N, C-alpha and C. Protein backbone atom coordinates (compact mmCIF):
# COMPACT_ATOMS: atom_id res chain seq x y z
N GLY A 1 0.27 10.78 20.14
CA GLY A 1 1.25 9.74 20.11
C GLY A 1 0.70 8.45 19.56
N TYR A 2 1.62 7.58 19.29
CA TYR A 2 1.29 6.27 18.73
C TYR A 2 1.40 5.21 19.81
N ASP A 3 0.57 4.19 19.73
CA ASP A 3 0.68 3.06 20.64
C ASP A 3 1.69 2.10 20.03
N GLU A 4 2.91 2.15 20.51
CA GLU A 4 3.99 1.36 19.92
C GLU A 4 3.79 -0.14 20.07
N ASP A 5 2.86 -0.57 20.92
CA ASP A 5 2.61 -1.99 21.10
C ASP A 5 1.45 -2.49 20.24
N ASP A 6 0.98 -1.68 19.31
CA ASP A 6 -0.11 -2.08 18.42
C ASP A 6 0.42 -3.07 17.39
N VAL A 7 0.22 -4.36 17.65
CA VAL A 7 0.76 -5.42 16.82
C VAL A 7 0.18 -5.40 15.41
N LEU A 8 -1.07 -4.98 15.27
CA LEU A 8 -1.68 -4.93 13.94
C LEU A 8 -1.03 -3.87 13.07
N LEU A 9 -0.67 -2.74 13.64
CA LEU A 9 -0.05 -1.67 12.85
C LEU A 9 1.45 -1.86 12.64
N TYR A 10 2.16 -2.31 13.68
CA TYR A 10 3.63 -2.31 13.62
C TYR A 10 4.25 -3.69 13.68
N GLY A 11 3.46 -4.73 13.82
CA GLY A 11 4.02 -6.06 13.99
C GLY A 11 4.53 -6.24 15.42
N GLU A 12 5.16 -7.37 15.64
CA GLU A 12 5.69 -7.64 16.98
C GLU A 12 6.84 -6.70 17.30
N MET A 13 7.02 -6.42 18.58
CA MET A 13 8.17 -5.63 19.03
C MET A 13 9.25 -6.63 19.41
N PHE A 14 10.38 -6.57 18.72
CA PHE A 14 11.52 -7.43 19.05
C PHE A 14 12.37 -6.72 20.09
N ARG A 15 12.62 -7.38 21.19
CA ARG A 15 13.41 -6.80 22.27
C ARG A 15 14.61 -7.70 22.54
N GLY A 16 15.73 -7.08 22.70
CA GLY A 16 16.98 -7.81 22.96
C GLY A 16 18.10 -6.80 22.98
N LYS A 17 19.17 -7.09 22.25
CA LYS A 17 20.28 -6.13 22.17
C LYS A 17 19.82 -4.84 21.50
N VAL A 18 18.85 -4.96 20.61
CA VAL A 18 18.19 -3.79 20.00
C VAL A 18 16.69 -4.01 20.13
N THR A 19 15.94 -2.93 20.15
CA THR A 19 14.48 -3.02 20.21
C THR A 19 13.93 -2.40 18.94
N VAL A 20 13.10 -3.15 18.23
CA VAL A 20 12.62 -2.69 16.94
C VAL A 20 11.30 -3.38 16.59
N HIS A 21 10.43 -2.66 15.86
CA HIS A 21 9.18 -3.25 15.38
C HIS A 21 9.44 -4.16 14.18
N GLN A 22 8.68 -5.21 14.08
CA GLN A 22 8.78 -6.15 12.97
C GLN A 22 8.60 -5.45 11.62
N TYR A 23 7.57 -4.63 11.47
CA TYR A 23 7.30 -4.00 10.18
C TYR A 23 8.31 -2.90 9.86
N CYS A 24 8.90 -2.31 10.89
CA CYS A 24 9.97 -1.33 10.65
C CYS A 24 11.17 -2.03 10.02
N LEU A 25 11.47 -3.24 10.48
CA LEU A 25 12.55 -4.01 9.88
C LEU A 25 12.26 -4.31 8.42
N LEU A 26 11.04 -4.77 8.16
CA LEU A 26 10.68 -5.16 6.79
C LEU A 26 10.69 -3.99 5.82
N SER A 27 10.46 -2.79 6.32
CA SER A 27 10.36 -1.63 5.44
C SER A 27 11.60 -0.75 5.43
N ALA A 28 12.58 -1.03 6.28
CA ALA A 28 13.76 -0.17 6.39
C ALA A 28 14.55 -0.16 5.08
N ASP A 29 14.85 1.03 4.60
CA ASP A 29 15.58 1.21 3.36
C ASP A 29 17.05 0.80 3.54
N GLY A 30 17.48 -0.15 2.75
CA GLY A 30 18.88 -0.54 2.76
C GLY A 30 19.30 -1.52 3.84
N LEU A 31 18.38 -2.00 4.65
CA LEU A 31 18.73 -2.97 5.69
C LEU A 31 18.74 -4.36 5.09
N PRO A 32 19.92 -5.00 5.06
CA PRO A 32 19.98 -6.33 4.44
C PRO A 32 19.39 -7.41 5.34
N GLN A 33 18.83 -8.42 4.74
CA GLN A 33 18.32 -9.57 5.47
C GLN A 33 19.26 -10.73 5.11
N ARG A 34 20.33 -10.86 5.88
CA ARG A 34 21.41 -11.80 5.55
C ARG A 34 21.23 -13.18 6.15
N GLY A 35 20.41 -13.31 7.17
CA GLY A 35 20.24 -14.60 7.82
C GLY A 35 19.01 -15.32 7.32
N ASP A 36 18.85 -16.57 7.77
CA ASP A 36 17.60 -17.25 7.44
C ASP A 36 16.56 -16.85 8.48
N ASP A 37 15.35 -17.31 8.32
CA ASP A 37 14.24 -16.85 9.16
C ASP A 37 14.43 -17.13 10.65
N THR A 38 15.33 -18.05 11.01
CA THR A 38 15.52 -18.39 12.42
C THR A 38 16.67 -17.60 13.05
N GLU A 39 17.41 -16.83 12.27
CA GLU A 39 18.53 -16.06 12.79
C GLU A 39 18.11 -14.62 13.08
N GLY A 40 18.66 -14.06 14.16
CA GLY A 40 18.36 -12.66 14.50
C GLY A 40 16.87 -12.46 14.65
N TYR A 41 16.37 -11.41 14.03
CA TYR A 41 14.93 -11.11 14.02
C TYR A 41 14.42 -11.39 12.62
N GLU A 42 13.87 -12.58 12.42
CA GLU A 42 13.33 -12.98 11.11
C GLU A 42 14.35 -12.80 9.98
N GLY A 43 15.60 -13.14 10.26
CA GLY A 43 16.63 -13.06 9.24
C GLY A 43 17.41 -11.76 9.23
N PHE A 44 16.96 -10.77 9.98
CA PHE A 44 17.72 -9.52 10.11
C PHE A 44 18.67 -9.71 11.28
N LEU A 45 19.97 -9.65 11.00
CA LEU A 45 20.97 -9.90 12.02
C LEU A 45 21.14 -8.68 12.92
N VAL A 46 21.35 -8.94 14.21
CA VAL A 46 21.47 -7.87 15.21
C VAL A 46 22.59 -6.91 14.82
N LYS A 47 23.73 -7.43 14.34
CA LYS A 47 24.85 -6.54 13.98
C LYS A 47 24.47 -5.61 12.83
N ASP A 48 23.66 -6.09 11.87
CA ASP A 48 23.22 -5.24 10.76
C ASP A 48 22.23 -4.18 11.24
N ILE A 49 21.33 -4.56 12.12
CA ILE A 49 20.35 -3.61 12.67
C ILE A 49 21.08 -2.53 13.47
N ALA A 50 22.04 -2.95 14.32
CA ALA A 50 22.79 -1.99 15.14
C ALA A 50 23.57 -1.03 14.25
N ALA A 51 24.18 -1.55 13.18
CA ALA A 51 24.94 -0.70 12.26
C ALA A 51 24.00 0.30 11.56
N GLU A 52 22.83 -0.16 11.18
CA GLU A 52 21.85 0.72 10.53
C GLU A 52 21.40 1.82 11.48
N LEU A 53 21.18 1.48 12.73
CA LEU A 53 20.72 2.47 13.70
C LEU A 53 21.77 3.53 14.00
N LYS A 54 23.05 3.21 13.80
CA LYS A 54 24.13 4.17 14.04
C LYS A 54 24.25 5.19 12.91
N GLN A 55 23.76 4.82 11.72
CA GLN A 55 23.87 5.72 10.57
C GLN A 55 22.87 6.86 10.70
N ALA A 56 23.33 8.06 10.36
CA ALA A 56 22.42 9.21 10.34
C ALA A 56 21.48 9.05 9.15
N ARG A 57 20.24 9.40 9.34
CA ARG A 57 19.24 9.32 8.28
C ARG A 57 18.57 10.67 8.09
N PRO A 58 17.99 10.91 6.93
CA PRO A 58 17.34 12.20 6.68
C PRO A 58 16.10 12.39 7.54
N LYS A 59 15.57 13.60 7.49
CA LYS A 59 14.35 13.92 8.24
C LYS A 59 13.14 13.28 7.56
N CYS A 60 12.15 12.99 8.37
CA CYS A 60 10.90 12.41 7.90
C CYS A 60 10.14 13.46 7.08
N SER A 61 9.63 13.06 5.94
CA SER A 61 8.86 13.97 5.09
C SER A 61 7.54 14.38 5.74
N TYR A 62 7.09 13.64 6.73
CA TYR A 62 5.82 13.94 7.38
C TYR A 62 5.99 14.72 8.69
N CYS A 63 6.81 14.20 9.62
CA CYS A 63 6.93 14.85 10.92
C CYS A 63 8.17 15.74 11.03
N HIS A 64 9.07 15.65 10.07
CA HIS A 64 10.28 16.46 9.99
C HIS A 64 11.28 16.19 11.11
N GLN A 65 11.17 15.05 11.76
CA GLN A 65 12.14 14.63 12.77
C GLN A 65 13.22 13.77 12.09
N PRO A 66 14.42 13.69 12.67
CA PRO A 66 15.50 12.93 12.03
C PRO A 66 15.30 11.42 12.11
N ASP A 67 16.16 10.72 11.41
CA ASP A 67 16.27 9.26 11.41
C ASP A 67 15.11 8.53 10.73
N ALA A 68 14.62 9.08 9.64
CA ALA A 68 13.62 8.38 8.83
C ALA A 68 14.32 7.23 8.10
N ARG A 69 13.75 6.05 8.14
CA ARG A 69 14.40 4.88 7.56
C ARG A 69 13.60 4.19 6.48
N VAL A 70 12.42 4.69 6.19
CA VAL A 70 11.55 4.07 5.19
C VAL A 70 11.48 4.99 3.97
N ARG A 71 11.65 4.43 2.79
CA ARG A 71 11.66 5.22 1.55
C ARG A 71 10.50 4.78 0.65
N CYS A 72 9.84 5.75 0.04
CA CYS A 72 8.83 5.45 -0.98
C CYS A 72 9.57 4.91 -2.20
N VAL A 73 9.11 3.80 -2.74
CA VAL A 73 9.80 3.18 -3.87
C VAL A 73 9.20 3.57 -5.22
N ALA A 74 8.23 4.47 -5.22
CA ALA A 74 7.57 4.87 -6.47
C ALA A 74 8.52 5.68 -7.35
N ARG A 75 8.24 5.65 -8.63
CA ARG A 75 8.96 6.49 -9.57
C ARG A 75 7.95 7.50 -10.10
N CYS A 76 8.30 8.76 -10.03
CA CYS A 76 7.41 9.84 -10.44
C CYS A 76 8.06 10.58 -11.60
N HIS A 77 7.44 10.59 -12.75
CA HIS A 77 7.99 11.23 -13.95
C HIS A 77 9.41 10.72 -14.21
N MET A 78 9.56 9.39 -14.14
CA MET A 78 10.82 8.71 -14.43
C MET A 78 11.92 8.97 -13.40
N ARG A 79 11.60 9.60 -12.29
CA ARG A 79 12.56 9.82 -11.22
C ARG A 79 12.03 9.18 -9.95
N PRO A 80 12.91 8.69 -9.08
CA PRO A 80 12.41 8.09 -7.83
C PRO A 80 11.80 9.16 -6.92
N CYS A 81 10.80 8.75 -6.19
CA CYS A 81 10.23 9.63 -5.16
C CYS A 81 11.31 9.78 -4.08
N ASP A 82 11.52 10.96 -3.60
CA ASP A 82 12.60 11.19 -2.63
C ASP A 82 12.11 11.25 -1.19
N LYS A 83 10.88 10.84 -0.94
CA LYS A 83 10.33 10.94 0.41
C LYS A 83 10.83 9.82 1.30
N MET A 84 11.23 10.21 2.50
CA MET A 84 11.65 9.28 3.55
C MET A 84 10.75 9.55 4.76
N PHE A 85 10.48 8.51 5.54
CA PHE A 85 9.61 8.70 6.69
C PHE A 85 9.86 7.61 7.72
N HIS A 86 9.32 7.83 8.91
CA HIS A 86 9.30 6.81 9.94
C HIS A 86 8.11 5.90 9.62
N PHE A 87 8.19 4.63 9.94
CA PHE A 87 7.09 3.72 9.63
C PHE A 87 5.76 4.17 10.25
N PRO A 88 5.72 4.57 11.54
CA PRO A 88 4.43 5.04 12.09
C PRO A 88 3.88 6.25 11.34
N CYS A 89 4.75 7.15 10.92
CA CYS A 89 4.30 8.33 10.16
C CYS A 89 3.70 7.90 8.82
N LEU A 90 4.34 6.94 8.18
CA LEU A 90 3.82 6.41 6.91
C LEU A 90 2.40 5.90 7.09
N ILE A 91 2.19 5.08 8.09
CA ILE A 91 0.88 4.47 8.32
C ILE A 91 -0.16 5.53 8.68
N HIS A 92 0.19 6.45 9.55
CA HIS A 92 -0.78 7.45 10.00
C HIS A 92 -1.03 8.54 8.97
N ARG A 93 -0.20 8.62 7.95
CA ARG A 93 -0.43 9.57 6.85
C ARG A 93 -0.94 8.86 5.60
N LEU A 94 -1.42 7.62 5.78
CA LEU A 94 -2.10 6.83 4.75
C LEU A 94 -1.19 6.38 3.62
N GLY A 95 0.09 6.24 3.89
CA GLY A 95 0.95 5.52 2.96
C GLY A 95 0.70 4.04 3.17
N ILE A 96 1.31 3.20 2.37
CA ILE A 96 1.09 1.76 2.54
C ILE A 96 2.39 0.99 2.44
N MET A 97 2.37 -0.16 3.06
CA MET A 97 3.44 -1.14 2.93
C MET A 97 2.79 -2.37 2.35
N GLN A 98 3.33 -2.87 1.25
CA GLN A 98 2.78 -4.07 0.63
C GLN A 98 3.48 -5.28 1.23
N TYR A 99 2.74 -6.09 1.95
CA TYR A 99 3.30 -7.22 2.69
C TYR A 99 3.38 -8.47 1.83
N PHE A 100 3.99 -8.35 0.67
CA PHE A 100 4.21 -9.50 -0.22
C PHE A 100 5.36 -9.15 -1.15
N ASP A 101 5.87 -10.14 -1.86
CA ASP A 101 6.99 -9.99 -2.79
C ASP A 101 8.14 -9.18 -2.19
N GLU A 102 8.34 -7.98 -2.67
CA GLU A 102 9.49 -7.16 -2.26
C GLU A 102 9.19 -6.24 -1.08
N PHE A 103 8.02 -6.33 -0.47
CA PHE A 103 7.63 -5.47 0.65
C PHE A 103 7.81 -4.00 0.27
N ARG A 104 7.18 -3.61 -0.83
CA ARG A 104 7.28 -2.23 -1.31
C ARG A 104 6.55 -1.27 -0.37
N THR A 105 7.09 -0.07 -0.26
CA THR A 105 6.50 0.98 0.56
C THR A 105 6.16 2.15 -0.35
N LEU A 106 4.93 2.66 -0.22
CA LEU A 106 4.48 3.77 -1.06
C LEU A 106 3.91 4.88 -0.18
N CYS A 107 4.35 6.11 -0.44
CA CYS A 107 3.85 7.25 0.32
C CYS A 107 2.39 7.53 -0.07
N SER A 108 1.76 8.42 0.65
CA SER A 108 0.35 8.73 0.39
C SER A 108 0.14 9.32 -1.00
N ASP A 109 1.15 9.97 -1.58
CA ASP A 109 1.03 10.52 -2.93
C ASP A 109 1.06 9.44 -4.00
N HIS A 110 1.71 8.32 -3.72
CA HIS A 110 1.91 7.31 -4.74
C HIS A 110 1.18 5.99 -4.50
N ARG A 111 0.45 5.90 -3.41
CA ARG A 111 -0.29 4.66 -3.15
C ARG A 111 -1.41 4.50 -4.17
N PRO A 112 -1.82 3.28 -4.46
CA PRO A 112 -2.98 3.09 -5.35
C PRO A 112 -4.21 3.76 -4.76
N ASN A 113 -5.00 4.39 -5.61
CA ASN A 113 -6.16 5.13 -5.17
C ASN A 113 -7.40 4.43 -5.68
N GLN A 114 -8.17 3.83 -4.80
CA GLN A 114 -9.34 3.07 -5.20
C GLN A 114 -10.39 3.95 -5.87
N LYS A 115 -10.54 5.21 -5.44
CA LYS A 115 -11.52 6.09 -6.07
C LYS A 115 -11.19 6.29 -7.54
N GLN A 116 -9.90 6.43 -7.86
CA GLN A 116 -9.51 6.58 -9.26
C GLN A 116 -9.84 5.33 -10.04
N LEU A 117 -9.60 4.16 -9.43
CA LEU A 117 -9.89 2.91 -10.12
C LEU A 117 -11.40 2.76 -10.36
N ILE A 118 -12.19 3.12 -9.36
CA ILE A 118 -13.65 3.02 -9.52
C ILE A 118 -14.12 3.99 -10.60
N ALA A 119 -13.61 5.23 -10.60
CA ALA A 119 -13.99 6.19 -11.63
C ALA A 119 -13.63 5.68 -13.01
N LYS A 120 -12.49 5.05 -13.14
CA LYS A 120 -12.07 4.48 -14.43
C LYS A 120 -13.05 3.38 -14.86
N GLN A 121 -13.45 2.54 -13.91
CA GLN A 121 -14.40 1.47 -14.24
C GLN A 121 -15.77 2.05 -14.61
N ILE A 122 -16.18 3.11 -13.93
CA ILE A 122 -17.47 3.74 -14.26
C ILE A 122 -17.42 4.33 -15.66
N ARG A 123 -16.32 4.99 -16.02
CA ARG A 123 -16.19 5.52 -17.40
C ARG A 123 -16.25 4.39 -18.41
N TRP A 124 -15.57 3.28 -18.12
CA TRP A 124 -15.61 2.12 -19.01
C TRP A 124 -17.04 1.61 -19.13
N TRP A 125 -17.72 1.51 -17.98
CA TRP A 125 -19.09 1.02 -18.00
C TRP A 125 -19.98 1.93 -18.84
N ASN A 126 -19.85 3.26 -18.70
CA ASN A 126 -20.66 4.19 -19.47
C ASN A 126 -20.40 4.08 -20.96
N ARG A 127 -19.13 3.91 -21.35
CA ARG A 127 -18.81 3.71 -22.78
C ARG A 127 -19.42 2.42 -23.29
N ARG A 128 -19.28 1.38 -22.49
CA ARG A 128 -19.82 0.08 -22.88
C ARG A 128 -21.35 0.14 -22.95
N ARG A 129 -21.98 0.82 -22.00
CA ARG A 129 -23.44 0.94 -21.97
C ARG A 129 -23.92 1.71 -23.19
N SER A 130 -23.22 2.79 -23.52
CA SER A 130 -23.58 3.60 -24.67
C SER A 130 -23.51 2.79 -25.95
N ALA A 131 -22.44 2.03 -26.12
CA ALA A 131 -22.29 1.20 -27.32
C ALA A 131 -23.31 0.08 -27.33
N ALA A 132 -23.55 -0.53 -26.18
CA ALA A 132 -24.48 -1.66 -26.11
C ALA A 132 -25.93 -1.22 -26.25
N SER A 133 -26.26 -0.01 -25.79
CA SER A 133 -27.65 0.42 -25.85
C SER A 133 -28.11 0.57 -27.30
N SER A 134 -27.20 0.93 -28.17
CA SER A 134 -27.58 1.05 -29.58
C SER A 134 -27.84 -0.32 -30.19
N LEU A 135 -27.33 -1.36 -29.55
CA LEU A 135 -27.58 -2.72 -30.03
C LEU A 135 -28.70 -3.40 -29.27
N SER A 136 -29.28 -2.67 -28.29
CA SER A 136 -30.41 -3.16 -27.48
C SER A 136 -30.09 -4.45 -26.74
N VAL A 137 -28.89 -4.52 -26.18
CA VAL A 137 -28.55 -5.72 -25.42
C VAL A 137 -28.57 -5.50 -23.91
N LEU A 138 -28.72 -4.26 -23.49
CA LEU A 138 -28.78 -4.02 -22.05
C LEU A 138 -30.16 -4.33 -21.51
N ALA A 139 -30.21 -4.81 -20.30
CA ALA A 139 -31.49 -5.02 -19.64
C ALA A 139 -32.05 -3.66 -19.25
N SER A 140 -33.24 -3.63 -18.76
CA SER A 140 -33.86 -2.37 -18.37
C SER A 140 -33.04 -1.69 -17.29
N PRO A 141 -33.09 -0.34 -17.20
CA PRO A 141 -32.30 0.40 -16.20
C PRO A 141 -32.58 -0.02 -14.77
N SER A 142 -33.77 -0.56 -14.51
CA SER A 142 -34.08 -0.96 -13.13
C SER A 142 -33.46 -2.30 -12.78
N SER A 143 -32.95 -3.01 -13.75
CA SER A 143 -32.35 -4.31 -13.49
C SER A 143 -30.96 -4.15 -12.89
N SER A 144 -30.65 -4.96 -11.88
CA SER A 144 -29.31 -4.89 -11.30
C SER A 144 -28.33 -5.79 -12.05
N SER A 145 -28.82 -6.60 -12.97
CA SER A 145 -27.95 -7.46 -13.76
C SER A 145 -28.21 -7.17 -15.23
N PRO A 146 -27.33 -6.38 -15.90
CA PRO A 146 -27.59 -5.93 -17.25
C PRO A 146 -27.43 -7.00 -18.32
N GLY A 147 -26.97 -8.14 -17.99
CA GLY A 147 -26.82 -9.19 -18.99
C GLY A 147 -25.44 -9.80 -18.92
N PRO A 148 -25.25 -10.92 -19.61
CA PRO A 148 -23.97 -11.61 -19.53
C PRO A 148 -22.83 -10.76 -20.10
N GLY A 149 -21.73 -10.74 -19.38
CA GLY A 149 -20.54 -10.04 -19.85
C GLY A 149 -20.54 -8.54 -19.65
N LEU A 150 -21.64 -7.96 -19.15
CA LEU A 150 -21.70 -6.51 -18.96
C LEU A 150 -21.67 -6.20 -17.48
N PRO A 151 -20.97 -5.13 -17.09
CA PRO A 151 -20.90 -4.78 -15.67
C PRO A 151 -22.22 -4.23 -15.17
N ARG A 152 -22.34 -4.16 -13.89
CA ARG A 152 -23.52 -3.59 -13.27
C ARG A 152 -23.49 -2.07 -13.40
N SER A 153 -24.55 -1.43 -12.99
CA SER A 153 -24.63 0.04 -13.09
C SER A 153 -23.55 0.69 -12.22
N PRO A 154 -23.19 1.96 -12.51
CA PRO A 154 -22.15 2.63 -11.72
C PRO A 154 -22.45 2.67 -10.23
N GLU A 155 -23.71 2.86 -9.86
CA GLU A 155 -24.05 2.93 -8.45
C GLU A 155 -23.73 1.61 -7.76
N ILE A 156 -24.10 0.52 -8.38
CA ILE A 156 -23.84 -0.79 -7.80
C ILE A 156 -22.35 -1.10 -7.90
N LEU A 157 -21.73 -0.74 -9.02
CA LEU A 157 -20.31 -0.99 -9.23
C LEU A 157 -19.47 -0.36 -8.13
N SER A 158 -19.76 0.91 -7.81
CA SER A 158 -18.93 1.60 -6.84
C SER A 158 -19.17 1.12 -5.41
N LYS A 159 -20.27 0.45 -5.16
CA LYS A 159 -20.57 0.02 -3.80
C LYS A 159 -20.31 -1.46 -3.56
N GLN A 160 -20.44 -2.30 -4.59
CA GLN A 160 -20.43 -3.73 -4.34
C GLN A 160 -19.48 -4.52 -5.23
N THR A 161 -18.66 -3.88 -6.03
CA THR A 161 -17.87 -4.59 -7.00
C THR A 161 -16.40 -4.30 -6.84
N CYS A 162 -15.58 -5.32 -7.00
CA CYS A 162 -14.14 -5.15 -6.98
C CYS A 162 -13.73 -4.31 -8.19
N PRO A 163 -12.97 -3.20 -8.00
CA PRO A 163 -12.62 -2.34 -9.12
C PRO A 163 -11.65 -2.98 -10.09
N TYR A 164 -10.97 -4.05 -9.68
CA TYR A 164 -10.02 -4.71 -10.58
C TYR A 164 -10.71 -5.73 -11.48
N CYS A 165 -11.45 -6.64 -10.87
CA CYS A 165 -12.02 -7.74 -11.66
C CYS A 165 -13.51 -7.57 -11.89
N MET A 166 -14.13 -6.59 -11.25
CA MET A 166 -15.55 -6.28 -11.38
C MET A 166 -16.45 -7.40 -10.90
N GLU A 167 -15.92 -8.31 -10.09
CA GLU A 167 -16.72 -9.34 -9.48
C GLU A 167 -17.44 -8.75 -8.27
N ALA A 168 -18.63 -9.22 -7.99
CA ALA A 168 -19.37 -8.75 -6.82
C ALA A 168 -18.61 -9.09 -5.56
N VAL A 169 -18.60 -8.16 -4.64
CA VAL A 169 -17.88 -8.37 -3.36
C VAL A 169 -18.83 -8.91 -2.34
């Protein structure tokens, strides 16, 4: 089971006419946020939440229980991902919720994969190293700093470098 009071995973539990987790509200598919931040639960009106809870929802793609309210927003081969899930199932199956802009939700199949990003950076580094070695601009292999504008070795890159900007972490 899940600890429903885990504020880090699910946000605050709103209790009143309806009881709901903060992050479940933010990720619920089709739930409008019609109020301002001081109305209802962070702008989600109680009447809208109650109406949403009365609607039948499909089964969760992970636990196969009814009333899944979170949808993966990814597009796969030009078609939307059709996976629906409960928010706790999403989190425990390594899907993600992006807590910025549109609060996008991505299932475990469509979430960004850091290993893929690191592998891509290592391939780039190897191509760059191969081209640069013929020009003799790389520092010795034992050096952890190959020179200005060049990334560090793959071993150091995968352990200490941001895969997006290649800055040391």
